[in-house]
C-alpha atoms as a PDB file:
ATOM      1  CA  MET A   1       0.000   0.000   0.000  1.00  0.00           C
ATOM      2  CA  ASN A   2       1.423   3.323  -0.956  1.00  0.00           C
ATOM      3  CA  ASP A   3       0.947   6.869   0.264  1.00  0.00           C
ATOM      4  CA  ILE A   4      -1.656   7.755  -2.353  1.00  0.00           C
ATOM      5  CA  SER A   5      -4.024   5.156  -0.890  1.00  0.00           C
ATOM      6  CA  TYR A   6      -3.837   6.803   2.515  1.00  0.00           C
ATOM      7  CA  LEU A   7      -4.481  10.197   0.945  1.00  0.00           C
ATOM      8  CA  ILE A   8      -7.566   8.807  -0.790  1.00  0.00           C
ATOM      9  CA  TYR A   9      -8.820   7.342   2.505  1.00  0.00           C
ATOM     10  CA  ILE A  10      -8.305  10.632   4.358  1.00  0.00           C
ATOM     11  CA  LEU A  11     -10.038  12.657   1.640  1.00  0.00           C
ATOM     12  CA  SER A  12     -12.904  10.178   1.597  1.00  0.00           C
ATOM     13  CA  PHE A  13     -13.343  10.524   5.358  1.00  0.00           C
ATOM     14  CA  ILE A  14     -13.189  14.344   5.265  1.00  0.00           C
ATOM     15  CA  ILE A  15     -15.695  14.621   2.416  1.00  0.00           C
ATOM     16  CA  GLY A  16     -18.012  12.073   4.049  1.00  0.00           C
ATOM     17  CA  SER A  17     -17.874  13.863   7.406  1.00  0.00           C
ATOM     18  CA  ALA A  18     -18.724  17.206   5.843  1.00  0.00           C
ATOM     19  CA  MET A  19     -21.522  15.641   3.837  1.00  0.00           C
ATOM     20  CA  GLY A  20     -22.922  13.895   6.918  1.00  0.00           C
ATOM     21  CA  LEU A  21     -22.881  17.127   8.903  1.00  0.00           C
ATOM     22  CA  VAL A  22     -24.692  19.064   6.191  1.00  0.00           C
ATOM     23  CA  LEU A  23     -27.280  16.331   5.645  1.00  0.00           C
ATOM     24  CA  SER A  24     -27.958  15.885   9.354  1.00  0.00           C
ATOM     25  CA  TYR A  25     -28.449  19.616   9.925  1.00  0.00           C
ATOM     26  CA  LYS A  26     -31.001  19.603   7.101  1.00  0.00           C
ATOM     27  CA  LYS A  27     -32.755  16.488   8.432  1.00  0.00           C
ATOM     28  CA  TYR A  28     -32.689  17.204  12.183  1.00  0.00           C
ATOM     29  CA  THR A  29     -33.596  20.724  13.208  1.00  0.00           C
ATOM     30  CA  ALA A  30     -33.504  20.100  16.959  1.00  0.00           C
ATOM     31  CA  PRO A  31     -30.545  19.138  19.107  1.00  0.00           C
ATOM     32  CA  PHE A  32     -30.267  15.470  20.047  1.00  0.00           C
ATOM     33  CA  VAL A  33     -33.315  14.687  22.171  1.00  0.00           C
ATOM     34  CA  THR A  34     -34.592  11.337  20.919  1.00  0.00           C
ATOM     35  CA  LYS A  35     -33.031   7.918  21.112  1.00  0.00           C
ATOM     36  CA  ASN A  36     -34.539   6.576  17.906  1.00  0.00           C
ATOM     37  CA  ILE A  37     -32.396   4.742  15.395  1.00  0.00           C
ATOM     38  CA  ASP A  38     -32.349   6.291  11.938  1.00  0.00           C
ATOM     39  CA  MET A  39     -32.764   3.439   9.458  1.00  0.00           C
ATOM     40  CA  VAL A  40     -30.973   5.208   6.606  1.00  0.00           C
ATOM     41  CA  ALA A  41     -27.977   5.957   8.817  1.00  0.00           C
ATOM     42  CA  LEU A  42     -28.029   2.384  10.120  1.00  0.00           C
ATOM     43  CA  ILE A  43     -27.935   0.950   6.596  1.00  0.00           C
ATOM     44  CA  LEU A  44     -25.108   3.326   5.640  1.00  0.00           C
ATOM     45  CA  ALA A  45     -23.155   2.334   8.752  1.00  0.00           C
ATOM     46  CA  ILE A  46     -23.624  -1.396   8.207  1.00  0.00           C
ATOM     47  CA  VAL A  47     -22.640  -1.240   4.535  1.00  0.00           C
ATOM     48  CA  GLY A  48     -19.720   1.070   5.293  1.00  0.00           C
ATOM     49  CA  TRP A  49     -18.283  -1.059   8.084  1.00  0.00           C
ATOM     50  CA  VAL A  50     -18.742  -4.263   6.083  1.00  0.00           C
ATOM     51  CA  LEU A  51     -16.928  -2.747   3.101  1.00  0.00           C
ATOM     52  CA  ALA A  52     -14.120  -1.304   5.225  1.00  0.00           C
ATOM     53  CA  ILE A  53     -13.443  -4.248   7.522  1.00  0.00           C
ATOM     54  CA  ASN A  54     -14.307  -7.118   5.195  1.00  0.00           C
ATOM     55  CA  SER A  55     -12.727  -5.707   2.036  1.00  0.00           C
ATOM     56  CA  GLN A  56     -10.574  -8.810   1.573  1.00  0.00           C
ATOM     57  CA  LEU A  57     -13.684 -10.991   1.335  1.00  0.00           C
ATOM     58  CA  ILE A  58     -14.818  -9.290  -1.851  1.00  0.00           C
ATOM     59  CA  SER A  59     -11.376  -8.541  -3.293  1.00  0.00           C
ATOM     60  CA  ALA A  60     -11.985 -11.068  -6.087  1.00  0.00           C
ATOM     61  CA  TRP A  61     -14.575  -8.734  -7.626  1.00  0.00           C
ATOM     62  CA  VAL A  62     -13.457  -5.241  -6.599  1.00  0.00           C
ATOM     63  CA  SER A  63     -10.112  -3.788  -5.586  1.00  0.00           C
ATOM     64  CA  PRO A  64      -9.711  -3.433  -1.788  1.00  0.00           C
ATOM     65  CA  VAL A  65      -8.695   0.214  -2.222  1.00  0.00           C
ATOM     66  CA  ILE A  66     -12.075   0.983  -3.798  1.00  0.00           C
ATOM     67  CA  THR A  67     -14.097  -0.935  -1.211  1.00  0.00           C
ATOM     68  CA  ILE A  68     -12.221   0.599   1.707  1.00  0.00           C
ATOM     69  CA  THR A  69     -12.612   4.089   0.228  1.00  0.00           C
ATOM     70  CA  VAL A  70     -16.363   3.678  -0.249  1.00  0.00           C
ATOM     71  CA  GLY A  71     -16.665   2.088   3.201  1.00  0.00           C
ATOM     72  CA  ILE A  72     -14.798   4.932   4.891  1.00  0.00           C
ATOM     73  CA  PHE A  73     -16.953   7.457   3.033  1.00  0.00           C
ATOM     74  CA  LEU A  74     -20.173   5.807   4.241  1.00  0.00           C
ATOM     75  CA  ILE A  75     -18.847   5.468   7.793  1.00  0.00           C
ATOM     76  CA  ALA A  76     -17.847   9.130   7.787  1.00  0.00           C
ATOM     77  CA  ILE A  77     -21.332  10.204   6.712  1.00  0.00           C
ATOM     78  CA  VAL A  78     -22.789   8.540   9.799  1.00  0.00           C
ATOM     79  CA  MET A  79     -19.987   9.550  12.175  1.00  0.00           C
ATOM     80  CA  GLY A  80     -20.008  13.120  10.873  1.00  0.00           C
ATOM     81  CA  MET A  81     -23.632  13.729  11.719  1.00  0.00           C
ATOM     82  CA  ARG A  82     -24.671  16.412  14.185  1.00  0.00           C
ATOM     83  CA  PRO A  83     -23.527  15.827  17.759  1.00  0.00           C
ATOM     84  CA  GLY A  84     -25.491  12.990  19.333  1.00  0.00           C
ATOM     85  CA  TYR A  85     -26.808  11.504  16.096  1.00  0.00           C
ATOM     86  CA  GLY A  86     -25.271   8.430  14.507  1.00  0.00           C
ATOM     87  CA  ARG A  87     -23.779   6.934  17.673  1.00  0.00           C
ATOM     88  CA  TYR A  88     -26.019   3.908  17.924  1.00  0.00           C
ATOM     89  CA  GLU A  89     -25.924   3.306  14.192  1.00  0.00           C
ATOM     90  CA  THR A  90     -22.117   3.331  14.169  1.00  0.00           C
ATOM     91  CA  VAL A  91     -21.856   0.841  17.022  1.00  0.00           C
ATOM     92  CA  ILE A  92     -24.454  -1.493  15.525  1.00  0.00           C
ATOM     93  CA  GLY A  93     -22.794  -1.337  12.094  1.00  0.00           C
ATOM     94  CA  PHE A  94     -19.387  -2.095  13.572  1.00  0.00           C
ATOM     95  CA  ALA A  95     -20.766  -4.997  15.624  1.00  0.00           C
ATOM     96  CA  ILE A  96     -22.462  -6.586  12.617  1.00  0.00           C
ATOM     97  CA  SER A  97     -19.335  -6.189  10.510  1.00  0.00           C
ATOM     98  CA  ALA A  98     -17.168  -7.665  13.272  1.00  0.00           C
ATOM     99  CA  LEU A  99     -19.526 -10.644  13.547  1.00  0.00           C
ATOM    100  CA  ILE A 100     -19.281 -11.206   9.796  1.00  0.00           C
ATOM    101  CA  TRP A 101     -15.491 -11.023   9.981  1.00  0.00           C
ATOM    102  CA  VAL A 102     -15.294 -13.411  12.940  1.00  0.00           C
ATOM    103  CA  GLY A 103     -17.721 -15.770  11.204  1.00  0.00           C
ATOM    104  CA  THR A 104     -15.608 -15.906   8.059  1.00  0.00           C
ATOM    105  CA  VAL A 105     -12.354 -16.354   9.955  1.00  0.00           C
ATOM    106  CA  LEU A 106     -13.658 -19.183  12.113  1.00  0.00           C
ATOM    107  CA  ILE A 107     -15.388 -21.021   9.275  1.00  0.00           C
END
């Protein structure tokens, strides 16, 4: 892995964080007061974590650099949301991705 890959990952995270912040301020007008799980953010977090952590599982079809970049972008959208939003979705997405990884390693 060379330096350009890391630059792509960092840019993907920065752009995703900014995009998540803008989208969450448009979607949620009030500060964090509810503990509901946003289904769109949950799907983005699950797909993002699966692509980032399990990129070697699908490397036969797509380059790991591309899957990790897209995964980091999706993770950053959820993590970059307004303060308080996206916490539960991030943890659930990471847990599901970790279970998939553990399941493939043990099997």
